[in-house]
Amino acid sequence: GQISGLHAGLRASEEAYSELDAEHQRLRHASTEVTNELLQRVDSLQQTVAGLQTESQSLQKELTSVQAEAALKDAAMHQVAQLQSSMSALQQRASQLVADLKQRKNKAEKHAAELSNHLSAAQQQLAQEIAARTSNDDYVRRLAWERQQLASALELERLINEPLRHTSYAVSTTLAHVMRSPVAATVADRASPDRHMNRIPHLQQQQHPYCNLQLPKPLVPPYSPPHFRKVRGAPKPGLITGRNLTRLGRSWATTTAAAGGPHPCFLDNLNSHLSPPPPGPYRKAVNLATPSSTPRSAPKSAKVFSKD
């Protein structure tokens, strides 16, 4: 029974061994296939890994280029930010300058308006001063003209009445009171033989006895009335005309050579071209200048012209 049991156990063991061997063979074949499959998969994975490495390298290169571009982009962005900040600062500075310029312009316009107002006021004041000065100048000219006319009239009256104040004709002079008066330039200009002869063409060729006469120098200081020394006469010629000239001529007629010789104080009028020489022999100025010489009295036949 034990042997049959052993035989049964042996058979069972052989069957189990055969089963295990079959399973081993089956598993061996299966592992070989799996190994081959795994090797194939490993090969494919190696190929995939190689491709991935290649792609990784390309991606790494791209990443490097992208990083470089990013750095450039960051630098560009930084520069853009700096430019924007500088532009904002420039815009702020420009706005400040514009505001300052506007303020200065307003101040300048205000100052120009004030200056124009001051200028207009100054022009008005200047116009008023010019008008006042013009009126004052006109008033001064009118006063000077009136004073000149009054002085001329007074001088004319003195010239006319001076010879008539002397009772003795010999004491009076011929024309010395006229030639020593402030209007002597007027009388000398009217009685100058040079200008008178030049105005007459047909007398220029004739020999006039009084054209080239030269008056001798006076031996004594000229006579000037003390009460009329400071009176200014008329500087313009041609004021003694008309009726005044007639009156002056009549007063001169009382002191001509017919009434006697010249006064010793006015010896320069001896043989003057303004009046004819007295009748008789030629008289020397030295003899008439002596203190012993006494003036002649006027002829009784001479008449005294009254003031006209």
C-alpha atoms as a PDB file:
ATOM      1  CA  GLY A   1       0.000   0.000   0.000  1.00  0.00           C
ATOM      2  CA  GLN A   2       2.960   2.207   0.773  1.00  0.00           C
ATOM      3  CA  ILE A   3       4.489   1.371  -2.565  1.00  0.00           C
ATOM      4  CA  SER A   4       1.267   2.124  -4.317  1.00  0.00           C
ATOM      5  CA  GLY A   5       1.072   5.245  -2.292  1.00  0.00           C
ATOM      6  CA  LEU A   6       4.661   6.019  -3.208  1.00  0.00           C
ATOM      7  CA  HIS A   7       3.903   5.121  -6.779  1.00  0.00           C
ATOM      8  CA  ALA A   8       0.884   7.323  -6.654  1.00  0.00           C
ATOM      9  CA  GLY A   9       2.905  10.070  -5.014  1.00  0.00           C
ATOM     10  CA  LEU A  10       5.665   9.517  -7.564  1.00  0.00           C
ATOM     11  CA  ARG A  11       3.227   9.759 -10.360  1.00  0.00           C
ATOM     12  CA  ALA A  12       1.668  12.789  -8.836  1.00  0.00           C
ATOM     13  CA  SER A  13       5.151  14.250  -8.428  1.00  0.00           C
ATOM     14  CA  GLU A  14       6.003  13.371 -12.016  1.00  0.00           C
ATOM     15  CA  GLU A  15       2.757  14.921 -13.191  1.00  0.00           C
ATOM     16  CA  ALA A  16       3.445  18.012 -11.102  1.00  0.00           C
ATOM     17  CA  TYR A  17       7.020  18.063 -12.424  1.00  0.00           C
ATOM     18  CA  SER A  18       5.748  17.717 -15.979  1.00  0.00           C
ATOM     19  CA  GLU A  19       3.303  20.483 -15.330  1.00  0.00           C
ATOM     20  CA  LEU A  20       5.998  22.628 -13.800  1.00  0.00           C
ATOM     21  CA  ASP A  21       8.309  21.846 -16.682  1.00  0.00           C
ATOM     22  CA  ALA A  22       5.605  22.685 -19.145  1.00  0.00           C
ATOM     23  CA  GLU A  23       4.933  25.842 -17.220  1.00  0.00           C
ATOM     24  CA  HIS A  24       8.651  26.503 -17.182  1.00  0.00           C
ATOM     25  CA  GLN A  25       8.903  25.998 -20.886  1.00  0.00           C
ATOM     26  CA  ARG A  26       5.854  28.096 -21.397  1.00  0.00           C
ATOM     27  CA  LEU A  27       7.220  30.782 -19.135  1.00  0.00           C
ATOM     28  CA  ARG A  28      10.592  30.558 -20.795  1.00  0.00           C
ATOM     29  CA  HIS A  29       9.088  31.031 -24.191  1.00  0.00           C
ATOM     30  CA  ALA A  30       6.946  33.805 -22.779  1.00  0.00           C
ATOM     31  CA  SER A  31       9.901  35.549 -21.143  1.00  0.00           C
ATOM     32  CA  THR A  32      11.860  35.319 -24.351  1.00  0.00           C
ATOM     33  CA  GLU A  33       9.069  36.978 -26.218  1.00  0.00           C
ATOM     34  CA  VAL A  34       8.698  39.516 -23.455  1.00  0.00           C
ATOM     35  CA  THR A  35      12.422  40.093 -23.459  1.00  0.00           C
ATOM     36  CA  ASN A  36      12.443  40.486 -27.207  1.00  0.00           C
ATOM     37  CA  GLU A  37       9.520  42.787 -26.938  1.00  0.00           C
ATOM     38  CA  LEU A  38      11.198  44.631 -24.140  1.00  0.00           C
ATOM     39  CA  LEU A  39      14.414  44.824 -26.149  1.00  0.00           C
ATOM     40  CA  GLN A  40      12.451  46.146 -29.059  1.00  0.00           C
ATOM     41  CA  ARG A  41      10.829  48.602 -26.765  1.00  0.00           C
ATOM     42  CA  VAL A  42      14.223  49.522 -25.345  1.00  0.00           C
ATOM     43  CA  ASP A  43      15.531  50.046 -28.866  1.00  0.00           C
ATOM     44  CA  SER A  44      12.555  52.170 -29.718  1.00  0.00           C
ATOM     45  CA  LEU A  45      12.957  54.003 -26.447  1.00  0.00           C
ATOM     46  CA  GLN A  46      16.648  54.545 -27.195  1.00  0.00           C
ATOM     47  CA  GLN A  47      15.733  55.897 -30.603  1.00  0.00           C
ATOM     48  CA  THR A  48      13.089  58.043 -28.984  1.00  0.00           C
ATOM     49  CA  VAL A  49      15.582  59.197 -26.363  1.00  0.00           C
ATOM     50  CA  ALA A  50      18.101  60.018 -29.108  1.00  0.00           C
ATOM     51  CA  GLY A  51      15.451  61.981 -30.962  1.00  0.00           C
ATOM     52  CA  LEU A  52      14.438  63.638 -27.740  1.00  0.00           C
ATOM     53  CA  GLN A  53      18.068  64.482 -27.013  1.00  0.00           C
ATOM     54  CA  THR A  54      18.428  65.937 -30.482  1.00  0.00           C
ATOM     55  CA  GLU A  55      15.209  67.846 -29.996  1.00  0.00           C
ATOM     56  CA  SER A  56      16.353  68.859 -26.519  1.00  0.00           C
ATOM     57  CA  GLN A  57      19.591  70.199 -27.963  1.00  0.00           C
ATOM     58  CA  SER A  58      17.693  72.125 -30.599  1.00  0.00           C
ATOM     59  CA  LEU A  59      15.308  73.333 -27.934  1.00  0.00           C
ATOM     60  CA  GLN A  60      18.274  74.273 -25.761  1.00  0.00           C
ATOM     61  CA  LYS A  61      19.715  76.241 -28.647  1.00  0.00           C
ATOM     62  CA  GLU A  62      16.367  77.880 -29.210  1.00  0.00           C
ATOM     63  CA  LEU A  63      16.127  78.561 -25.487  1.00  0.00           C
ATOM     64  CA  THR A  64      19.574  80.136 -25.556  1.00  0.00           C
ATOM     65  CA  SER A  65      18.594  82.298 -28.510  1.00  0.00           C
ATOM     66  CA  VAL A  66      15.308  83.117 -26.831  1.00  0.00           C
ATOM     67  CA  GLN A  67      17.132  84.029 -23.636  1.00  0.00           C
ATOM     68  CA  ALA A  68      19.492  86.256 -25.639  1.00  0.00           C
ATOM     69  CA  GLU A  69      16.529  87.851 -27.347  1.00  0.00           C
ATOM     70  CA  ALA A  70      14.854  88.244 -23.972  1.00  0.00           C
ATOM     71  CA  ALA A  71      17.981  89.960 -22.631  1.00  0.00           C
ATOM     72  CA  LEU A  72      18.023  92.232 -25.660  1.00  0.00           C
ATOM     73  CA  LYS A  73      14.335  92.820 -25.196  1.00  0.00           C
ATOM     74  CA  ASP A  74      14.877  93.645 -21.538  1.00  0.00           C
ATOM     75  CA  ALA A  75      17.704  96.013 -22.469  1.00  0.00           C
ATOM     76  CA  ALA A  76      15.504  97.578 -25.137  1.00  0.00           C
ATOM     77  CA  MET A  77      12.652  97.897 -22.683  1.00  0.00           C
ATOM     78  CA  HIS A  78      15.020  99.462 -20.167  1.00  0.00           C
ATOM     79  CA  GLN A  79      16.226 101.939 -22.775  1.00  0.00           C
ATOM     80  CA  VAL A  80      12.631 102.643 -23.745  1.00  0.00           C
ATOM     81  CA  ALA A  81      11.812 103.266 -20.091  1.00  0.00           C
ATOM     82  CA  GLN A  82      14.812 105.599 -19.786  1.00  0.00           C
ATOM     83  CA  LEU A  83      13.806 107.420 -22.960  1.00  0.00           C
ATOM     84  CA  GLN A  84      10.253 107.734 -21.708  1.00  0.00           C
ATOM     85  CA  SER A  85      11.473 109.102 -18.372  1.00  0.00           C
ATOM     86  CA  SER A  86      13.798 111.563 -20.139  1.00  0.00           C
ATOM     87  CA  MET A  87      10.967 112.558 -22.499  1.00  0.00           C
ATOM     88  CA  SER A  88       8.649 113.106 -19.549  1.00  0.00           C
ATOM     89  CA  ALA A  89      11.357 115.193 -17.848  1.00  0.00           C
ATOM     90  CA  LEU A  90      11.868 117.181 -21.048  1.00  0.00           C
ATOM     91  CA  GLN A  91       8.133 117.682 -21.417  1.00  0.00           C
ATOM     92  CA  GLN A  92       7.915 118.870 -17.823  1.00  0.00           C
ATOM     93  CA  ARG A  93      10.878 121.207 -18.367  1.00  0.00           C
ATOM     94  CA  ALA A  94       9.320 122.466 -21.601  1.00  0.00           C
ATOM     95  CA  SER A  95       6.019 123.072 -19.829  1.00  0.00           C
ATOM     96  CA  GLN A  96       7.881 124.967 -17.106  1.00  0.00           C
ATOM     97  CA  LEU A  97       9.735 127.008 -19.727  1.00  0.00           C
ATOM     98  CA  VAL A  98       6.488 127.738 -21.562  1.00  0.00           C
ATOM     99  CA  ALA A  99       4.850 128.820 -18.313  1.00  0.00           C
ATOM    100  CA  ASP A 100       7.882 130.991 -17.496  1.00  0.00           C
ATOM    101  CA  LEU A 101       7.844 132.492 -20.981  1.00  0.00           C
ATOM    102  CA  LYS A 102       4.124 133.194 -20.698  1.00  0.00           C
ATOM    103  CA  GLN A 103       4.691 134.868 -17.339  1.00  0.00           C
ATOM    104  CA  ARG A 104       7.555 136.932 -18.758  1.00  0.00           C
ATOM    105  CA  LYS A 105       5.423 137.807 -21.774  1.00  0.00           C
ATOM    106  CA  ASN A 106       2.605 138.963 -19.524  1.00  0.00           C
ATOM    107  CA  LYS A 107       5.058 141.011 -17.468  1.00  0.00           C
ATOM    108  CA  ALA A 108       6.593 142.472 -20.638  1.00  0.00           C
ATOM    109  CA  GLU A 109       3.161 143.347 -22.034  1.00  0.00           C
ATOM    110  CA  LYS A 110       2.205 144.932 -18.737  1.00  0.00           C
ATOM    111  CA  HIS A 111       5.496 146.843 -18.640  1.00  0.00           C
ATOM    112  CA  ALA A 112       5.015 147.915 -22.275  1.00  0.00           C
ATOM    113  CA  ALA A 113       1.516 149.123 -21.451  1.00  0.00           C
ATOM    114  CA  GLU A 114       2.879 151.076 -18.479  1.00  0.00           C
ATOM    115  CA  LEU A 115       5.659 152.501 -20.650  1.00  0.00           C
ATOM    116  CA  SER A 116       3.149 153.486 -23.339  1.00  0.00           C
ATOM    117  CA  ASN A 117       1.005 155.163 -20.697  1.00  0.00           C
ATOM    118  CA  HIS A 118       4.041 156.978 -19.310  1.00  0.00           C
ATOM    119  CA  LEU A 119       5.113 157.874 -22.846  1.00  0.00           C
ATOM    120  CA  SER A 120       1.688 159.234 -23.717  1.00  0.00           C
ATOM    121  CA  ALA A 121       1.635 161.193 -20.466  1.00  0.00           C
ATOM    122  CA  ALA A 122       5.158 162.475 -21.156  1.00  0.00           C
ATOM    123  CA  GLN A 123       4.162 163.385 -24.712  1.00  0.00           C
ATOM    124  CA  GLN A 124       1.123 165.249 -23.449  1.00  0.00           C
ATOM    125  CA  GLN A 125       3.223 167.029 -20.851  1.00  0.00           C
ATOM    126  CA  LEU A 126       5.865 167.791 -23.486  1.00  0.00           C
ATOM    127  CA  ALA A 127       3.184 169.111 -25.842  1.00  0.00           C
ATOM    128  CA  GLN A 128       1.834 171.280 -23.042  1.00  0.00           C
ATOM    129  CA  GLU A 129       5.327 172.506 -22.207  1.00  0.00           C
ATOM    130  CA  ILE A 130       6.022 173.169 -25.895  1.00  0.00           C
ATOM    131  CA  ALA A 131       2.746 175.064 -26.207  1.00  0.00           C
ATOM    132  CA  ALA A 132       3.512 177.031 -23.044  1.00  0.00           C
ATOM    133  CA  ARG A 133       7.064 177.672 -24.219  1.00  0.00           C
ATOM    134  CA  THR A 134       5.802 178.715 -27.645  1.00  0.00           C
ATOM    135  CA  SER A 135       3.341 181.098 -26.065  1.00  0.00           C
ATOM    136  CA  ASN A 136       6.083 182.373 -23.766  1.00  0.00           C
ATOM    137  CA  ASP A 137       8.461 182.741 -26.711  1.00  0.00           C
ATOM    138  CA  ASP A 138       5.789 184.566 -28.673  1.00  0.00           C
ATOM    139  CA  TYR A 139       5.138 186.791 -25.676  1.00  0.00           C
ATOM    140  CA  VAL A 140       8.878 187.419 -25.261  1.00  0.00           C
ATOM    141  CA  ARG A 141       9.251 188.162 -28.982  1.00  0.00           C
ATOM    142  CA  ARG A 142       6.296 190.515 -28.851  1.00  0.00           C
ATOM    143  CA  LEU A 143       7.735 192.249 -25.798  1.00  0.00           C
ATOM    144  CA  ALA A 144      11.154 192.459 -27.477  1.00  0.00           C
ATOM    145  CA  TRP A 145       9.556 193.829 -30.630  1.00  0.00           C
ATOM    146  CA  GLU A 146       7.572 196.384 -28.633  1.00  0.00           C
ATOM    147  CA  ARG A 147      10.697 197.326 -26.691  1.00  0.00           C
ATOM    148  CA  GLN A 148      12.634 197.610 -29.943  1.00  0.00           C
ATOM    149  CA  GLN A 149       9.951 199.777 -31.461  1.00  0.00           C
ATOM    150  CA  LEU A 150       9.820 201.934 -28.333  1.00  0.00           C
ATOM    151  CA  ALA A 151      13.625 202.233 -28.232  1.00  0.00           C
ATOM    152  CA  SER A 152      13.675 203.117 -31.935  1.00  0.00           C
ATOM    153  CA  ALA A 153      10.966 205.711 -31.438  1.00  0.00           C
ATOM    154  CA  LEU A 154      12.755 207.197 -28.418  1.00  0.00           C
ATOM    155  CA  GLU A 155      16.068 207.235 -30.279  1.00  0.00           C
ATOM    156  CA  LEU A 156      14.412 208.854 -33.271  1.00  0.00           C
ATOM    157  CA  GLU A 157      12.839 211.515 -31.094  1.00  0.00           C
ATOM    158  CA  ARG A 158      16.203 212.123 -29.430  1.00  0.00           C
ATOM    159  CA  LEU A 159      17.928 212.413 -32.790  1.00  0.00           C
ATOM    160  CA  ILE A 160      15.291 214.849 -33.972  1.00  0.00           C
ATOM    161  CA  ASN A 161      15.100 216.945 -30.819  1.00  0.00           C
ATOM    162  CA  GLU A 162      18.776 216.883 -29.741  1.00  0.00           C
ATOM    163  CA  PRO A 163      19.938 219.684 -32.117  1.00  0.00           C
ATOM    164  CA  LEU A 164      16.926 221.793 -31.185  1.00  0.00           C
ATOM    165  CA  ARG A 165      17.852 221.821 -27.482  1.00  0.00           C
ATOM    166  CA  HIS A 166      20.920 223.996 -28.120  1.00  0.00           C
ATOM    167  CA  THR A 167      20.428 227.752 -28.391  1.00  0.00           C
ATOM    168  CA  SER A 168      23.814 228.265 -30.013  1.00  0.00           C
ATOM    169  CA  TYR A 169      24.301 226.582 -33.365  1.00  0.00           C
ATOM    170  CA  ALA A 170      28.055 226.487 -32.916  1.00  0.00           C
ATOM    171  CA  VAL A 171      27.777 224.366 -29.777  1.00  0.00           C
ATOM    172  CA  SER A 172      25.721 221.748 -31.610  1.00  0.00           C
ATOM    173  CA  THR A 173      27.252 219.290 -34.038  1.00  0.00           C
ATOM    174  CA  THR A 174      26.482 218.353 -37.613  1.00  0.00           C
ATOM    175  CA  LEU A 175      25.647 214.616 -37.573  1.00  0.00           C
ATOM    176  CA  ALA A 176      27.762 213.339 -34.691  1.00  0.00           C
ATOM    177  CA  HIS A 177      24.783 212.779 -32.440  1.00  0.00           C
ATOM    178  CA  VAL A 178      23.361 210.588 -35.205  1.00  0.00           C
ATOM    179  CA  MET A 179      26.581 208.673 -35.880  1.00  0.00           C
ATOM    180  CA  ARG A 180      27.130 208.093 -32.134  1.00  0.00           C
ATOM    181  CA  SER A 181      23.570 206.859 -31.565  1.00  0.00           C
ATOM    182  CA  PRO A 182      22.534 203.187 -31.351  1.00  0.00           C
ATOM    183  CA  VAL A 183      20.903 203.460 -34.787  1.00  0.00           C
ATOM    184  CA  ALA A 184      24.079 204.755 -36.370  1.00  0.00           C
ATOM    185  CA  ALA A 185      24.472 201.520 -38.324  1.00  0.00           C
ATOM    186  CA  THR A 186      21.103 202.158 -39.940  1.00  0.00           C
ATOM    187  CA  VAL A 187      21.987 205.722 -40.856  1.00  0.00           C
ATOM    188  CA  ALA A 188      25.468 204.743 -42.037  1.00  0.00           C
ATOM    189  CA  ASP A 189      24.038 201.977 -44.174  1.00  0.00           C
ATOM    190  CA  ARG A 190      21.559 204.360 -45.793  1.00  0.00           C
ATOM    191  CA  ALA A 191      24.211 207.035 -46.283  1.00  0.00           C
ATOM    192  CA  SER A 192      27.125 204.786 -47.311  1.00  0.00           C
ATOM    193  CA  PRO A 193      28.553 206.130 -50.603  1.00  0.00           C
ATOM    194  CA  ASP A 194      29.882 202.709 -51.643  1.00  0.00           C
ATOM    195  CA  ARG A 195      26.519 200.985 -51.544  1.00  0.00           C
ATOM    196  CA  HIS A 196      24.777 204.057 -52.893  1.00  0.00           C
ATOM    197  CA  MET A 197      27.153 204.368 -55.841  1.00  0.00           C
ATOM    198  CA  ASN A 198      27.029 200.639 -56.560  1.00  0.00           C
ATOM    199  CA  ARG A 199      23.279 200.833 -56.921  1.00  0.00           C
ATOM    200  CA  ILE A 200      23.607 203.460 -59.659  1.00  0.00           C
ATOM    201  CA  PRO A 201      25.348 201.921 -62.701  1.00  0.00           C
ATOM    202  CA  HIS A 202      25.810 205.183 -64.642  1.00  0.00           C
ATOM    203  CA  LEU A 203      27.684 206.761 -61.699  1.00  0.00           C
ATOM    204  CA  GLN A 204      30.209 203.972 -61.245  1.00  0.00           C
ATOM    205  CA  GLN A 205      32.517 205.383 -63.912  1.00  0.00           C
ATOM    206  CA  GLN A 206      32.371 208.929 -62.568  1.00  0.00           C
ATOM    207  CA  GLN A 207      34.817 210.353 -60.058  1.00  0.00           C
ATOM    208  CA  HIS A 208      32.798 211.388 -57.051  1.00  0.00           C
ATOM    209  CA  PRO A 209      34.696 213.608 -54.576  1.00  0.00           C
ATOM    210  CA  TYR A 210      33.219 211.840 -51.538  1.00  0.00           C
ATOM    211  CA  CYS A 211      33.360 208.211 -52.642  1.00  0.00           C
ATOM    212  CA  ASN A 212      36.882 207.359 -51.461  1.00  0.00           C
ATOM    213  CA  LEU A 213      37.149 209.619 -48.435  1.00  0.00           C
ATOM    214  CA  GLN A 214      38.412 208.091 -45.214  1.00  0.00           C
ATOM    215  CA  LEU A 215      37.348 209.612 -41.944  1.00  0.00           C
ATOM    216  CA  PRO A 216      40.241 210.618 -39.653  1.00  0.00           C
ATOM    217  CA  LYS A 217      40.467 209.079 -36.226  1.00  0.00           C
ATOM    218  CA  PRO A 218      38.816 211.157 -33.492  1.00  0.00           C
ATOM    219  CA  LEU A 219      41.204 213.066 -31.256  1.00  0.00           C
ATOM    220  CA  VAL A 220      38.885 212.872 -28.259  1.00  0.00           C
ATOM    221  CA  PRO A 221      36.505 210.152 -27.041  1.00  0.00           C
ATOM    222  CA  PRO A 222      33.166 210.256 -28.846  1.00  0.00           C
ATOM    223  CA  TYR A 223      30.311 211.984 -27.179  1.00  0.00           C
ATOM    224  CA  SER A 224      27.488 209.890 -25.798  1.00  0.00           C
ATOM    225  CA  PRO A 225      24.683 211.345 -23.682  1.00  0.00           C
ATOM    226  CA  PRO A 226      24.820 209.805 -20.189  1.00  0.00           C
ATOM    227  CA  HIS A 227      21.044 209.537 -19.979  1.00  0.00           C
ATOM    228  CA  PHE A 228      20.863 207.400 -23.136  1.00  0.00           C
ATOM    229  CA  ARG A 229      23.946 205.165 -23.040  1.00  0.00           C
ATOM    230  CA  LYS A 230      22.192 201.983 -21.953  1.00  0.00           C
ATOM    231  CA  VAL A 231      19.295 202.218 -24.395  1.00  0.00           C
ATOM    232  CA  ARG A 232      19.504 199.687 -27.223  1.00  0.00           C
ATOM    233  CA  GLY A 233      18.451 200.818 -30.662  1.00  0.00           C
ATOM    234  CA  ALA A 234      16.961 199.047 -33.638  1.00  0.00           C
ATOM    235  CA  PRO A 235      19.415 196.624 -35.330  1.00  0.00           C
ATOM    236  CA  LYS A 236      17.420 196.505 -38.567  1.00  0.00           C
ATOM    237  CA  PRO A 237      17.851 199.186 -41.246  1.00  0.00           C
ATOM    238  CA  GLY A 238      15.072 201.094 -42.930  1.00  0.00           C
ATOM    239  CA  LEU A 239      13.201 202.222 -39.808  1.00  0.00           C
ATOM    240  CA  ILE A 240      13.753 205.960 -40.349  1.00  0.00           C
ATOM    241  CA  THR A 241      11.430 206.578 -43.287  1.00  0.00           C
ATOM    242  CA  GLY A 242       8.593 208.825 -44.339  1.00  0.00           C
ATOM    243  CA  ARG A 243       7.579 211.639 -42.043  1.00  0.00           C
ATOM    244  CA  ASN A 244      10.244 210.712 -39.469  1.00  0.00           C
ATOM    245  CA  LEU A 245      12.938 211.046 -42.116  1.00  0.00           C
ATOM    246  CA  THR A 246      11.558 214.479 -43.008  1.00  0.00           C
ATOM    247  CA  ARG A 247      11.629 215.556 -39.373  1.00  0.00           C
ATOM    248  CA  LEU A 248      15.168 214.226 -38.951  1.00  0.00           C
ATOM    249  CA  GLY A 249      16.268 216.073 -42.081  1.00  0.00           C
ATOM    250  CA  ARG A 250      14.800 219.299 -40.776  1.00  0.00           C
ATOM    251  CA  SER A 251      16.630 218.871 -37.473  1.00  0.00           C
ATOM    252  CA  TRP A 252      19.836 218.154 -39.372  1.00  0.00           C
ATOM    253  CA  ALA A 253      19.349 221.372 -41.338  1.00  0.00           C
ATOM    254  CA  THR A 254      19.790 223.370 -38.130  1.00  0.00           C
ATOM    255  CA  THR A 255      23.293 221.940 -37.604  1.00  0.00           C
ATOM    256  CA  THR A 256      24.755 221.972 -41.108  1.00  0.00           C
ATOM    257  CA  ALA A 257      27.844 223.856 -42.163  1.00  0.00           C
ATOM    258  CA  ALA A 258      25.754 226.959 -42.770  1.00  0.00           C
ATOM    259  CA  ALA A 259      25.156 227.185 -39.000  1.00  0.00           C
ATOM    260  CA  GLY A 260      28.848 226.887 -38.144  1.00  0.00           C
ATOM    261  CA  GLY A 261      31.741 224.438 -37.869  1.00  0.00           C
ATOM    262  CA  PRO A 262      31.597 221.101 -36.117  1.00  0.00           C
ATOM    263  CA  HIS A 263      31.841 220.792 -32.372  1.00  0.00           C
ATOM    264  CA  PRO A 264      35.398 220.194 -31.043  1.00  0.00           C
ATOM    265  CA  CYS A 265      34.269 216.890 -29.513  1.00  0.00           C
ATOM    266  CA  PHE A 266      33.269 215.585 -32.971  1.00  0.00           C
ATOM    267  CA  LEU A 267      36.216 216.473 -35.165  1.00  0.00           C
ATOM    268  CA  ASP A 268      35.800 213.240 -37.121  1.00  0.00           C
ATOM    269  CA  ASN A 269      32.858 214.865 -38.909  1.00  0.00           C
ATOM    270  CA  LEU A 270      35.115 217.455 -40.469  1.00  0.00           C
ATOM    271  CA  ASN A 271      34.789 217.107 -44.267  1.00  0.00           C
ATOM    272  CA  SER A 272      32.633 214.041 -43.713  1.00  0.00           C
ATOM    273  CA  HIS A 273      30.926 212.428 -46.689  1.00  0.00           C
ATOM    274  CA  LEU A 274      27.669 212.556 -44.751  1.00  0.00           C
ATOM    275  CA  SER A 275      27.554 216.370 -44.829  1.00  0.00           C
ATOM    276  CA  PRO A 276      29.257 218.898 -47.125  1.00  0.00           C
ATOM    277  CA  PRO A 277      32.239 220.823 -45.740  1.00  0.00           C
ATOM    278  CA  PRO A 278      31.611 224.306 -44.336  1.00  0.00           C
ATOM    279  CA  PRO A 279      32.306 227.287 -46.574  1.00  0.00           C
ATOM    280  CA  GLY A 280      35.661 228.934 -46.418  1.00  0.00           C
ATOM    281  CA  PRO A 281      39.220 227.630 -46.310  1.00  0.00           C
ATOM    282  CA  TYR A 282      40.056 224.068 -45.236  1.00  0.00           C
ATOM    283  CA  ARG A 283      40.168 223.689 -41.472  1.00  0.00           C
ATOM    284  CA  LYS A 284      42.592 221.421 -39.714  1.00  0.00           C
ATOM    285  CA  ALA A 285      41.367 219.223 -36.902  1.00  0.00           C
ATOM    286  CA  VAL A 286      44.396 220.074 -34.713  1.00  0.00           C
ATOM    287  CA  ASN A 287      43.524 223.760 -34.616  1.00  0.00           C
ATOM    288  CA  LEU A 288      39.939 223.024 -33.681  1.00  0.00           C
ATOM    289  CA  ALA A 289      40.991 220.610 -30.936  1.00  0.00           C
ATOM    290  CA  THR A 290      42.918 223.249 -28.907  1.00  0.00           C
ATOM    291  CA  PRO A 291      41.290 224.318 -25.626  1.00  0.00           C
ATOM    292  CA  SER A 292      41.607 227.982 -26.623  1.00  0.00           C
ATOM    293  CA  SER A 293      39.374 227.520 -29.611  1.00  0.00           C
ATOM    294  CA  THR A 294      35.919 228.878 -28.964  1.00  0.00           C
ATOM    295  CA  PRO A 295      32.968 227.811 -31.029  1.00  0.00           C
ATOM    296  CA  ARG A 296      31.455 230.310 -33.366  1.00  0.00           C
ATOM    297  CA  SER A 297      28.035 231.668 -32.737  1.00  0.00           C
ATOM    298  CA  ALA A 298      25.308 230.957 -35.165  1.00  0.00           C
ATOM    299  CA  PRO A 299      24.471 233.535 -37.856  1.00  0.00           C
ATOM    300  CA  LYS A 300      21.517 235.671 -37.059  1.00  0.00           C
ATOM    301  CA  SER A 301      19.918 234.831 -40.354  1.00  0.00           C
ATOM    302  CA  ALA A 302      19.654 231.125 -39.477  1.00  0.00           C
ATOM    303  CA  LYS A 303      16.275 229.890 -38.455  1.00  0.00           C
ATOM    304  CA  VAL A 304      15.487 227.313 -35.826  1.00  0.00           C
ATOM    305  CA  PHE A 305      13.049 224.698 -37.001  1.00  0.00           C
ATOM    306  CA  SER A 306      10.473 223.818 -34.439  1.00  0.00           C
ATOM    307  CA  LYS A 307       9.623 220.201 -33.706  1.00  0.00           C
ATOM    308  CA  ASP A 308       7.171 218.828 -36.170  1.00  0.00           C
END
